[in-house]
PDB file of N, CA and C in Angstrom:
ATOM      1  N   UNK A   1     117.639 153.497 -45.713  1.00  0.00           N
ATOM      2  CA  UNK A   1     116.295 153.785 -45.289  1.00  0.00           C
ATOM      3  C   UNK A   1     116.183 154.977 -45.446  1.00  0.00           C
ATOM      4  N   UNK A   2     117.323 155.966 -45.626  1.00  0.00           N
ATOM      5  CA  UNK A   2     117.045 157.730 -45.570  1.00  0.00           C
ATOM      6  C   UNK A   2     116.968 157.643 -47.379  1.00  0.00           C
ATOM      7  N   UNK A   3     117.142 156.694 -48.193  1.00  0.00           N
ATOM      8  CA  UNK A   3     116.418 156.457 -49.704  1.00  0.00           C
ATOM      9  C   UNK A   3     115.116 156.559 -50.082  1.00  0.00           C
ATOM     10  N   UNK A   4     114.775 155.368 -48.812  1.00  0.00           N
ATOM     11  CA  UNK A   4     113.374 154.924 -49.297  1.00  0.00           C
ATOM     12  C   UNK A   4     112.243 155.923 -48.296  1.00  0.00           C
ATOM     13  N   UNK A   5     112.946 156.925 -47.485  1.00  0.00           N
ATOM     14  CA  UNK A   5     112.146 158.165 -47.226  1.00  0.00           C
ATOM     15  C   UNK A   5     112.253 158.936 -48.213  1.00  0.00           C
ATOM     16  N   UNK A   6     113.022 159.696 -48.769  1.00  0.00           N
ATOM     17  CA  UNK A   6     113.647 160.613 -49.633  1.00  0.00           C
ATOM     18  C   UNK A   6     112.338 160.013 -51.110  1.00  0.00           C
ATOM     19  N   UNK A   7     112.538 158.913 -51.481  1.00  0.00           N
ATOM     20  CA  UNK A   7     111.422 158.203 -52.564  1.00  0.00           C
ATOM     21  C   UNK A   7     109.845 158.703 -52.559  1.00  0.00           C
ATOM     22  N   UNK A   8     109.924 158.322 -50.986  1.00  0.00           N
ATOM     23  CA  UNK A   8     108.411 158.066 -50.686  1.00  0.00           C
ATOM     24  C   UNK A   8     107.860 159.463 -50.558  1.00  0.00           C
ATOM     25  N   UNK A   9     109.002 160.438 -49.913  1.00  0.00           N
ATOM     26  CA  UNK A   9     108.635 162.105 -50.092  1.00  0.00           C
ATOM     27  C   UNK A   9     108.518 162.722 -51.690  1.00  0.00           C
ATOM     28  N   UNK A  10     109.206 162.235 -52.305  1.00  0.00           N
ATOM     29  CA  UNK A  10     109.112 162.834 -53.595  1.00  0.00           C
ATOM     30  C   UNK A  10     108.088 162.688 -54.733  1.00  0.00           C
ATOM     31  N   UNK A  11     107.101 161.274 -53.623  1.00  0.00           N
ATOM     32  CA  UNK A  11     105.456 160.761 -54.404  1.00  0.00           C
ATOM     33  C   UNK A  11     104.928 161.542 -53.502  1.00  0.00           C
ATOM     34  N   UNK A  12     104.902 162.362 -52.578  1.00  0.00           N
ATOM     35  CA  UNK A  12     104.381 162.627 -51.572  1.00  0.00           C
ATOM     36  C   UNK A  12     103.065 161.800 -50.723  1.00  0.00           C
ATOM     37  N   UNK A  13     104.086 160.757 -50.752  1.00  0.00           N
ATOM     38  CA  UNK A  13     103.402 158.944 -49.492  1.00  0.00           C
ATOM     39  C   UNK A  13     103.620 160.021 -48.461  1.00  0.00           C
ATOM     40  N   UNK A  14     104.804 160.984 -48.053  1.00  0.00           N
ATOM     41  CA  UNK A  14     105.106 160.630 -46.592  1.00  0.00           C
ATOM     42  C   UNK A  14     103.659 161.174 -45.506  1.00  0.00           C
ATOM     43  N   UNK A  15     103.111 161.817 -46.253  1.00  0.00           N
ATOM     44  CA  UNK A  15     100.943 162.724 -45.011  1.00  0.00           C
ATOM     45  C   UNK A  15     101.203 161.194 -44.896  1.00  0.00           C
ATOM     46  N   UNK A  16     101.000 159.947 -45.524  1.00  0.00           N
ATOM     47  CA  UNK A  16      99.973 159.101 -45.143  1.00  0.00           C
ATOM     48  C   UNK A  16     101.057 158.037 -44.712  1.00  0.00           C
ATOM     49  N   UNK A  17     102.278 157.759 -44.154  1.00  0.00           N
ATOM     50  CA  UNK A  17     103.291 156.684 -44.003  1.00  0.00           C
ATOM     51  C   UNK A  17     103.673 157.311 -42.514  1.00  0.00           C
ATOM     52  N   UNK A  18     104.157 156.024 -41.872  1.00  0.00           N
ATOM     53  CA  UNK A  18     104.672 155.992 -40.813  1.00  0.00           C
ATOM     54  C   UNK A  18     105.632 155.241 -41.135  1.00  0.00           C
ATOM     55  N   UNK A  19     107.095 155.793 -40.836  1.00  0.00           N
ATOM     56  CA  UNK A  19     107.881 154.937 -40.709  1.00  0.00           C
ATOM     57  C   UNK A  19     108.839 154.369 -39.435  1.00  0.00           C
ATOM     58  N   UNK A  20     109.400 153.038 -40.059  1.00  0.00           N
ATOM     59  CA  UNK A  20     109.830 152.950 -38.297  1.00  0.00           C
ATOM     60  C   UNK A  20     110.553 152.262 -38.061  1.00  0.00           C
ATOM     61  N   UNK A  21     112.012 153.084 -37.855  1.00  0.00           N
ATOM     62  CA  UNK A  21     113.035 151.497 -38.103  1.00  0.00           C
ATOM     63  C   UNK A  21     114.136 151.921 -37.150  1.00  0.00           C
ATOM     64  N   UNK A  22     114.728 150.748 -37.600  1.00  0.00           N
ATOM     65  CA  UNK A  22     116.062 150.694 -35.410  1.00  0.00           C
ATOM     66  C   UNK A  22     117.205 150.146 -36.806  1.00  0.00           C
ATOM     67  N   UNK A  23     118.010 150.952 -36.763  1.00  0.00           N
ATOM     68  CA  UNK A  23     119.491 149.946 -37.314  1.00  0.00           C
ATOM     69  C   UNK A  23     120.238 149.104 -36.228  1.00  0.00           C
ATOM     70  N   UNK A  24     121.445 148.605 -37.095  1.00  0.00           N
ATOM     71  CA  UNK A  24     122.393 148.067 -36.193  1.00  0.00           C
ATOM     72  C   UNK A  24     123.248 148.851 -35.621  1.00  0.00           C
ATOM     73  N   UNK A  25     123.044 150.484 -35.489  1.00  0.00           N
ATOM     74  CA  UNK A  25     123.567 151.427 -34.700  1.00  0.00           C
ATOM     75  C   UNK A  25     122.623 151.502 -33.409  1.00  0.00           C
ATOM     76  N   UNK A  26     121.755 151.334 -33.236  1.00  0.00           N
ATOM     77  CA  UNK A  26     120.413 151.345 -32.507  1.00  0.00           C
ATOM     78  C   UNK A  26     120.949 150.793 -31.360  1.00  0.00           C
ATOM     79  N   UNK A  27     120.346 151.089 -30.341  1.00  0.00           N
ATOM     80  CA  UNK A  27     120.551 149.840 -28.945  1.00  0.00           C
ATOM     81  C   UNK A  27     119.794 148.697 -29.054  1.00  0.00           C
ATOM     82  N   UNK A  28     120.051 147.622 -28.280  1.00  0.00           N
ATOM     83  CA  UNK A  28     119.727 146.425 -28.694  1.00  0.00           C
ATOM     84  C   UNK A  28     117.749 146.428 -28.253  1.00  0.00           C
ATOM     85  N   UNK A  29     117.497 147.484 -26.888  1.00  0.00           N
ATOM     86  CA  UNK A  29     116.207 147.973 -26.884  1.00  0.00           C
ATOM     87  C   UNK A  29     115.376 148.371 -27.903  1.00  0.00           C
ATOM     88  N   UNK A  30     116.179 149.028 -28.809  1.00  0.00           N
ATOM     89  CA  UNK A  30     115.052 149.947 -29.894  1.00  0.00           C
ATOM     90  C   UNK A  30     115.338 148.693 -31.173  1.00  0.00           C
ATOM     91  N   UNK A  31     115.908 147.972 -31.388  1.00  0.00           N
ATOM     92  CA  UNK A  31     116.003 147.068 -32.430  1.00  0.00           C
ATOM     93  C   UNK A  31     114.900 145.960 -31.601  1.00  0.00           C
ATOM     94  N   UNK A  32     114.774 145.714 -30.582  1.00  0.00           N
ATOM     95  CA  UNK A  32     114.136 144.625 -29.959  1.00  0.00           C
ATOM     96  C   UNK A  32     112.671 145.448 -30.508  1.00  0.00           C
ATOM     97  N   UNK A  33     112.151 146.430 -29.784  1.00  0.00           N
ATOM     98  CA  UNK A  33     110.745 146.696 -29.877  1.00  0.00           C
ATOM     99  C   UNK A  33     110.110 147.398 -31.192  1.00  0.00           C
ATOM    100  N   UNK A  34     111.054 147.739 -32.139  1.00  0.00           N
ATOM    101  CA  UNK A  34     110.946 148.519 -32.787  1.00  0.00           C
ATOM    102  C   UNK A  34     109.872 147.606 -34.451  1.00  0.00           C
ATOM    103  N   UNK A  35     110.014 146.199 -34.388  1.00  0.00           N
ATOM    104  CA  UNK A  35     109.463 145.471 -35.122  1.00  0.00           C
ATOM    105  C   UNK A  35     107.629 145.536 -34.241  1.00  0.00           C
ATOM    106  N   UNK A  36     107.715 145.479 -32.918  1.00  0.00           N
ATOM    107  CA  UNK A  36     106.496 145.626 -32.582  1.00  0.00           C
ATOM    108  C   UNK A  36     106.382 146.682 -32.367  1.00  0.00           C
ATOM    109  N   UNK A  37     106.217 147.768 -32.739  1.00  0.00           N
ATOM    110  CA  UNK A  37     105.556 148.750 -32.705  1.00  0.00           C
ATOM    111  C   UNK A  37     104.857 149.371 -34.236  1.00  0.00           C
ATOM    112  N   UNK A  38     105.998 149.056 -35.136  1.00  0.00           N
ATOM    113  CA  UNK A  38     105.201 148.983 -36.558  1.00  0.00           C
ATOM    114  C   UNK A  38     104.243 148.428 -36.710  1.00  0.00           C
ATOM    115  N   UNK A  39     104.118 146.643 -36.122  1.00  0.00           N
ATOM    116  CA  UNK A  39     103.430 145.783 -36.202  1.00  0.00           C
ATOM    117  C   UNK A  39     101.656 146.368 -35.384  1.00  0.00           C
ATOM    118  N   UNK A  40     101.872 147.213 -34.023  1.00  0.00           N
ATOM    119  CA  UNK A  40     100.868 147.548 -33.589  1.00  0.00           C
ATOM    120  C   UNK A  40     100.375 149.021 -33.968  1.00  0.00           C
ATOM    121  N   UNK A  41     100.472 149.910 -35.004  1.00  0.00           N
ATOM    122  CA  UNK A  41     100.778 151.152 -35.749  1.00  0.00           C
ATOM    123  C   UNK A  41      99.473 150.370 -36.885  1.00  0.00           C
ATOM    124  N   UNK A  42     100.019 149.516 -37.680  1.00  0.00           N
ATOM    125  CA  UNK A  42      99.381 148.743 -38.225  1.00  0.00           C
ATOM    126  C   UNK A  42      98.159 147.679 -37.933  1.00  0.00           C
ATOM    127  N   UNK A  43      98.616 147.011 -37.217  1.00  0.00           N
ATOM    128  CA  UNK A  43      96.760 146.637 -36.302  1.00  0.00           C
ATOM    129  C   UNK A  43      95.910 147.737 -36.458  1.00  0.00           C
ATOM    130  N   UNK A  44      96.305 148.877 -35.480  1.00  0.00           N
ATOM    131  CA  UNK A  44      95.158 150.484 -35.107  1.00  0.00           C
ATOM    132  C   UNK A  44      94.692 150.601 -36.189  1.00  0.00           C
ATOM    133  N   UNK A  45      95.244 150.967 -37.776  1.00  0.00           N
ATOM    134  CA  UNK A  45      95.110 151.414 -38.732  1.00  0.00           C
ATOM    135  C   UNK A  45      94.044 150.042 -39.489  1.00  0.00           C
ATOM    136  N   UNK A  46      94.333 148.487 -39.359  1.00  0.00           N
ATOM    137  CA  UNK A  46      93.468 147.672 -40.031  1.00  0.00           C
ATOM    138  C   UNK A  46      92.037 147.626 -39.339  1.00  0.00           C
ATOM    139  N   UNK A  47      92.348 148.114 -38.030  1.00  0.00           N
ATOM    140  CA  UNK A  47      91.410 147.357 -37.061  1.00  0.00           C
ATOM    141  C   UNK A  47      90.291 148.950 -37.534  1.00  0.00           C
ATOM    142  N   UNK A  48      90.928 150.315 -37.339  1.00  0.00           N
ATOM    143  CA  UNK A  48      89.618 151.123 -37.747  1.00  0.00           C
ATOM    144  C   UNK A  48      89.368 151.354 -38.952  1.00  0.00           C
ATOM    145  N   UNK A  49      89.699 149.870 -40.018  1.00  0.00           N
ATOM    146  CA  UNK A  49      89.391 150.064 -41.286  1.00  0.00           C
ATOM    147  C   UNK A  49      89.899 150.510 -42.500  1.00  0.00           C
ATOM    148  N   UNK A  50      91.267 151.325 -42.444  1.00  0.00           N
ATOM    149  CA  UNK A  50      91.877 151.971 -43.100  1.00  0.00           C
ATOM    150  C   UNK A  50      93.030 150.868 -43.400  1.00  0.00           C
ATOM    151  N   UNK A  51      93.423 151.331 -44.873  1.00  0.00           N
ATOM    152  CA  UNK A  51      94.551 150.453 -45.175  1.00  0.00           C
ATOM    153  C   UNK A  51      95.697 150.207 -44.306  1.00  0.00           C
ATOM    154  N   UNK A  52      96.488 149.350 -44.420  1.00  0.00           N
ATOM    155  CA  UNK A  52      97.843 149.151 -43.777  1.00  0.00           C
ATOM    156  C   UNK A  52      98.798 148.505 -44.568  1.00  0.00           C
ATOM    157  N   UNK A  53     100.267 148.815 -44.866  1.00  0.00           N
ATOM    158  CA  UNK A  53     100.703 148.099 -45.414  1.00  0.00           C
ATOM    159  C   UNK A  53     102.274 147.844 -44.244  1.00  0.00           C
ATOM    160  N   UNK A  54     103.011 146.876 -43.865  1.00  0.00           N
ATOM    161  CA  UNK A  54     103.859 147.063 -43.097  1.00  0.00           C
ATOM    162  C   UNK A  54     105.247 145.985 -43.869  1.00  0.00           C
ATOM    163  N   UNK A  55     105.866 146.544 -43.655  1.00  0.00           N
ATOM    164  CA  UNK A  55     107.569 145.765 -45.067  1.00  0.00           C
ATOM    165  C   UNK A  55     108.698 145.457 -43.404  1.00  0.00           C
ATOM    166  N   UNK A  56     108.673 144.234 -43.247  1.00  0.00           N
ATOM    167  CA  UNK A  56     109.902 144.266 -42.170  1.00  0.00           C
ATOM    168  C   UNK A  56     111.154 143.872 -43.098  1.00  0.00           C
ATOM    169  N   UNK A  57     112.190 144.344 -43.342  1.00  0.00           N
ATOM    170  CA  UNK A  57     113.351 144.495 -43.784  1.00  0.00           C
ATOM    171  C   UNK A  57     114.082 143.281 -43.647  1.00  0.00           C
ATOM    172  N   UNK A  58     114.302 143.171 -42.255  1.00  0.00           N
ATOM    173  CA  UNK A  58     114.949 142.125 -41.831  1.00  0.00           C
ATOM    174  C   UNK A  58     115.430 142.157 -40.467  1.00  0.00           C
ATOM    175  N   UNK A  59     114.538 140.863 -39.925  1.00  0.00           N
ATOM    176  CA  UNK A  59     114.637 140.526 -38.243  1.00  0.00           C
ATOM    177  C   UNK A  59     115.686 139.736 -37.503  1.00  0.00           C
ATOM    178  N   UNK A  60     116.368 139.949 -38.360  1.00  0.00           N
ATOM    179  CA  UNK A  60     117.593 138.985 -37.846  1.00  0.00           C
ATOM    180  C   UNK A  60     118.521 139.540 -36.545  1.00  0.00           C
ATOM    181  N   UNK A  61     118.558 141.519 -36.942  1.00  0.00           N
ATOM    182  CA  UNK A  61     119.060 142.662 -35.517  1.00  0.00           C
ATOM    183  C   UNK A  61     118.134 142.552 -34.069  1.00  0.00           C
ATOM    184  N   UNK A  62     116.529 141.933 -34.913  1.00  0.00           N
ATOM    185  CA  UNK A  62     115.662 141.988 -33.202  1.00  0.00           C
ATOM    186  C   UNK A  62     115.942 140.770 -32.748  1.00  0.00           C
ATOM    187  N   UNK A  63     116.052 139.860 -33.380  1.00  0.00           N
ATOM    188  CA  UNK A  63     116.369 137.732 -32.868  1.00  0.00           C
ATOM    189  C   UNK A  63     117.817 138.448 -31.606  1.00  0.00           C
ATOM    190  N   UNK A  64     118.451 138.987 -32.905  1.00  0.00           N
ATOM    191  CA  UNK A  64     119.963 138.867 -31.603  1.00  0.00           C
ATOM    192  C   UNK A  64     119.545 139.927 -30.576  1.00  0.00           C
ATOM    193  N   UNK A  65     119.070 141.176 -30.472  1.00  0.00           N
ATOM    194  CA  UNK A  65     118.354 141.971 -29.273  1.00  0.00           C
ATOM    195  C   UNK A  65     117.593 141.166 -28.944  1.00  0.00           C
ATOM    196  N   UNK A  66     117.061 140.499 -28.448  1.00  0.00           N
ATOM    197  CA  UNK A  66     116.280 139.177 -27.427  1.00  0.00           C
ATOM    198  C   UNK A  66     117.176 138.341 -27.168  1.00  0.00           C
ATOM    199  N   UNK A  67     117.873 138.164 -27.881  1.00  0.00           N
ATOM    200  CA  UNK A  67     118.694 136.405 -27.263  1.00  0.00           C
ATOM    201  C   UNK A  67     119.599 137.740 -26.070  1.00  0.00           C
ATOM    202  N   UNK A  68     119.934 138.714 -26.761  1.00  0.00           N
ATOM    203  CA  UNK A  68     120.591 139.545 -25.964  1.00  0.00           C
ATOM    204  C   UNK A  68     120.459 139.776 -24.614  1.00  0.00           C
ATOM    205  N   UNK A  69     119.257 140.353 -24.599  1.00  0.00           N
ATOM    206  CA  UNK A  69     118.136 140.779 -23.373  1.00  0.00           C
ATOM    207  C   UNK A  69     117.784 139.501 -22.367  1.00  0.00           C
ATOM    208  N   UNK A  70     117.640 138.760 -22.940  1.00  0.00           N
ATOM    209  CA  UNK A  70     117.338 137.402 -22.246  1.00  0.00           C
ATOM    210  C   UNK A  70     118.420 136.434 -21.873  1.00  0.00           C
ATOM    211  N   UNK A  71     119.815 137.098 -22.214  1.00  0.00           N
ATOM    212  CA  UNK A  71     121.204 136.535 -21.188  1.00  0.00           C
ATOM    213  C   UNK A  71     121.271 137.179 -20.470  1.00  0.00           C
ATOM    214  N   UNK A  72     121.203 138.765 -20.577  1.00  0.00           N
ATOM    215  CA  UNK A  72     121.536 139.866 -19.718  1.00  0.00           C
ATOM    216  C   UNK A  72     120.604 139.209 -18.580  1.00  0.00           C
ATOM    217  N   UNK A  73     119.178 139.412 -18.835  1.00  0.00           N
ATOM    218  CA  UNK A  73     118.393 139.771 -18.082  1.00  0.00           C
ATOM    219  C   UNK A  73     117.506 138.404 -16.955  1.00  0.00           C
ATOM    220  N   UNK A  74     117.907 137.358 -17.383  1.00  0.00           N
ATOM    221  CA  UNK A  74     117.308 136.304 -16.849  1.00  0.00           C
ATOM    222  C   UNK A  74     117.917 136.233 -15.913  1.00  0.00           C
ATOM    223  N   UNK A  75     116.950 135.577 -14.976  1.00  0.00           N
ATOM    224  CA  UNK A  75     117.779 135.295 -13.098  1.00  0.00           C
ATOM    225  C   UNK A  75     118.529 134.199 -13.441  1.00  0.00           C
ATOM    226  N   UNK A  76     119.838 134.068 -12.413  1.00  0.00           N
ATOM    227  CA  UNK A  76     120.502 132.931 -12.699  1.00  0.00           C
ATOM    228  C   UNK A  76     119.831 131.991 -11.536  1.00  0.00           C
ATOM    229  N   UNK A  77     120.037 130.789 -11.212  1.00  0.00           N
ATOM    230  CA  UNK A  77     119.391 129.853 -10.303  1.00  0.00           C
ATOM    231  C   UNK A  77     119.972 130.256  -8.925  1.00  0.00           C
ATOM    232  N   UNK A  78     119.209 129.855  -8.484  1.00  0.00           N
ATOM    233  CA  UNK A  78     119.271 129.696  -6.612  1.00  0.00           C
ATOM    234  C   UNK A  78     119.343 131.592  -6.904  1.00  0.00           C
ATOM    235  N   UNK A  79     119.017 132.544  -6.934  1.00  0.00           N
ATOM    236  CA  UNK A  79     119.416 134.158  -7.252  1.00  0.00           C
ATOM    237  C   UNK A  79     118.110 134.091  -7.441  1.00  0.00           C
ATOM    238  N   UNK A  80     117.178 135.802  -7.065  1.00  0.00           N
ATOM    239  CA  UNK A  80     116.523 136.135  -6.677  1.00  0.00           C
ATOM    240  C   UNK A  80     116.072 137.235  -8.205  1.00  0.00           C
ATOM    241  N   UNK A  81     115.146 137.238  -8.803  1.00  0.00           N
ATOM    242  CA  UNK A  81     115.313 138.183 -10.244  1.00  0.00           C
ATOM    243  C   UNK A  81     115.537 139.536 -10.001  1.00  0.00           C
ATOM    244  N   UNK A  82     116.390 140.607 -10.603  1.00  0.00           N
ATOM    245  CA  UNK A  82     116.578 141.697  -9.850  1.00  0.00           C
ATOM    246  C   UNK A  82     115.938 142.805 -11.287  1.00  0.00           C
ATOM    247  N   UNK A  83     115.105 143.753 -10.931  1.00  0.00           N
ATOM    248  CA  UNK A  83     114.483 144.439 -11.987  1.00  0.00           C
ATOM    249  C   UNK A  83     115.484 145.613 -12.438  1.00  0.00           C
ATOM    250  N   UNK A  84     115.601 145.183 -14.341  1.00  0.00           N
ATOM    251  CA  UNK A  84     116.808 146.799 -14.224  1.00  0.00           C
ATOM    252  C   UNK A  84     116.087 147.356 -15.651  1.00  0.00           C
ATOM    253  N   UNK A  85     116.417 147.908 -16.058  1.00  0.00           N
ATOM    254  CA  UNK A  85     116.406 149.161 -17.035  1.00  0.00           C
ATOM    255  C   UNK A  85     116.863 148.528 -18.352  1.00  0.00           C
ATOM    256  N   UNK A  86     116.677 149.389 -19.129  1.00  0.00           N
ATOM    257  CA  UNK A  86     116.987 147.911 -20.699  1.00  0.00           C
ATOM    258  C   UNK A  86     118.330 149.245 -20.616  1.00  0.00           C
ATOM    259  N   UNK A  87     118.781 149.882 -20.288  1.00  0.00           N
ATOM    260  CA  UNK A  87     120.189 150.778 -20.721  1.00  0.00           C
ATOM    261  C   UNK A  87     120.840 149.939 -19.614  1.00  0.00           C
ATOM    262  N   UNK A  88     120.071 149.905 -18.219  1.00  0.00           N
ATOM    263  CA  UNK A  88     121.019 148.908 -17.198  1.00  0.00           C
ATOM    264  C   UNK A  88     121.698 147.578 -17.906  1.00  0.00           C
ATOM    265  N   UNK A  89     120.545 146.862 -18.287  1.00  0.00           N
ATOM    266  CA  UNK A  89     120.689 145.112 -19.182  1.00  0.00           C
ATOM    267  C   UNK A  89     121.506 145.510 -20.510  1.00  0.00           C
ATOM    268  N   UNK A  90     121.637 146.533 -21.119  1.00  0.00           N
ATOM    269  CA  UNK A  90     122.647 146.590 -22.273  1.00  0.00           C
ATOM    270  C   UNK A  90     123.661 146.871 -22.385  1.00  0.00           C
ATOM    271  N   UNK A  91     124.251 147.617 -20.834  1.00  0.00           N
ATOM    272  CA  UNK A  91     125.484 147.572 -20.541  1.00  0.00           C
ATOM    273  C   UNK A  91     126.444 146.823 -19.858  1.00  0.00           C
ATOM    274  N   UNK A  92     125.034 146.306 -18.844  1.00  0.00           N
ATOM    275  CA  UNK A  92     126.241 144.902 -18.442  1.00  0.00           C
ATOM    276  C   UNK A  92     125.921 143.724 -19.472  1.00  0.00           C
ATOM    277  N   UNK A  93     125.295 143.346 -20.546  1.00  0.00           N
ATOM    278  CA  UNK A  93     125.418 142.386 -22.024  1.00  0.00           C
ATOM    279  C   UNK A  93     126.531 142.849 -22.482  1.00  0.00           C
ATOM    280  N   UNK A  94     127.271 144.249 -22.845  1.00  0.00           N
ATOM    281  CA  UNK A  94     128.007 144.503 -23.083  1.00  0.00           C
ATOM    282  C   UNK A  94     129.470 144.538 -22.260  1.00  0.00           C
ATOM    283  N   UNK A  95     129.521 144.290 -20.959  1.00  0.00           N
ATOM    284  CA  UNK A  95     130.795 143.686 -20.670  1.00  0.00           C
ATOM    285  C   UNK A  95     131.156 142.505 -20.357  1.00  0.00           C
ATOM    286  N   UNK A  96     129.460 141.823 -20.566  1.00  0.00           N
ATOM    287  CA  UNK A  96     129.379 139.897 -20.157  1.00  0.00           C
ATOM    288  C   UNK A  96     130.495 139.042 -21.518  1.00  0.00           C
ATOM    289  N   UNK A  97     130.950 138.628 -20.670  1.00  0.00           N
ATOM    290  CA  UNK A  97     131.641 137.401 -21.451  1.00  0.00           C
ATOM    291  C   UNK A  97     130.978 136.644 -22.489  1.00  0.00           C
ATOM    292  N   UNK A  98     131.756 136.613 -23.626  1.00  0.00           N
ATOM    293  CA  UNK A  98     130.754 136.075 -24.755  1.00  0.00           C
ATOM    294  C   UNK A  98     131.506 134.473 -24.540  1.00  0.00           C
ATOM    295  N   UNK A  99     130.221 133.623 -25.075  1.00  0.00           N
ATOM    296  CA  UNK A  99     130.472 132.364 -24.467  1.00  0.00           C
ATOM    297  C   UNK A  99     130.294 131.522 -26.006  1.00  0.00           C
TER     298      UNK A  99
END
């Protein structure tokens, strides 16, 4: 990612560029929301008549984050759903047994 940003800076493109990135080291919440955030920003520019280009490198981490959050935050049968923040959900998933 750093090399892409560096190349954009070299060519003066960062003045009209938004980079949204979530790496494998980022939290599951960031990996989940980053593609949606980038898409929303692109839609804003498209809807206001400006050019937009969205590049998705790899969505496997987002799919993993979705599965992980569903696993942790889904209500168990016969249990009332519990509201949880993403950080609570992430901590719970980290200690959850692997199936």
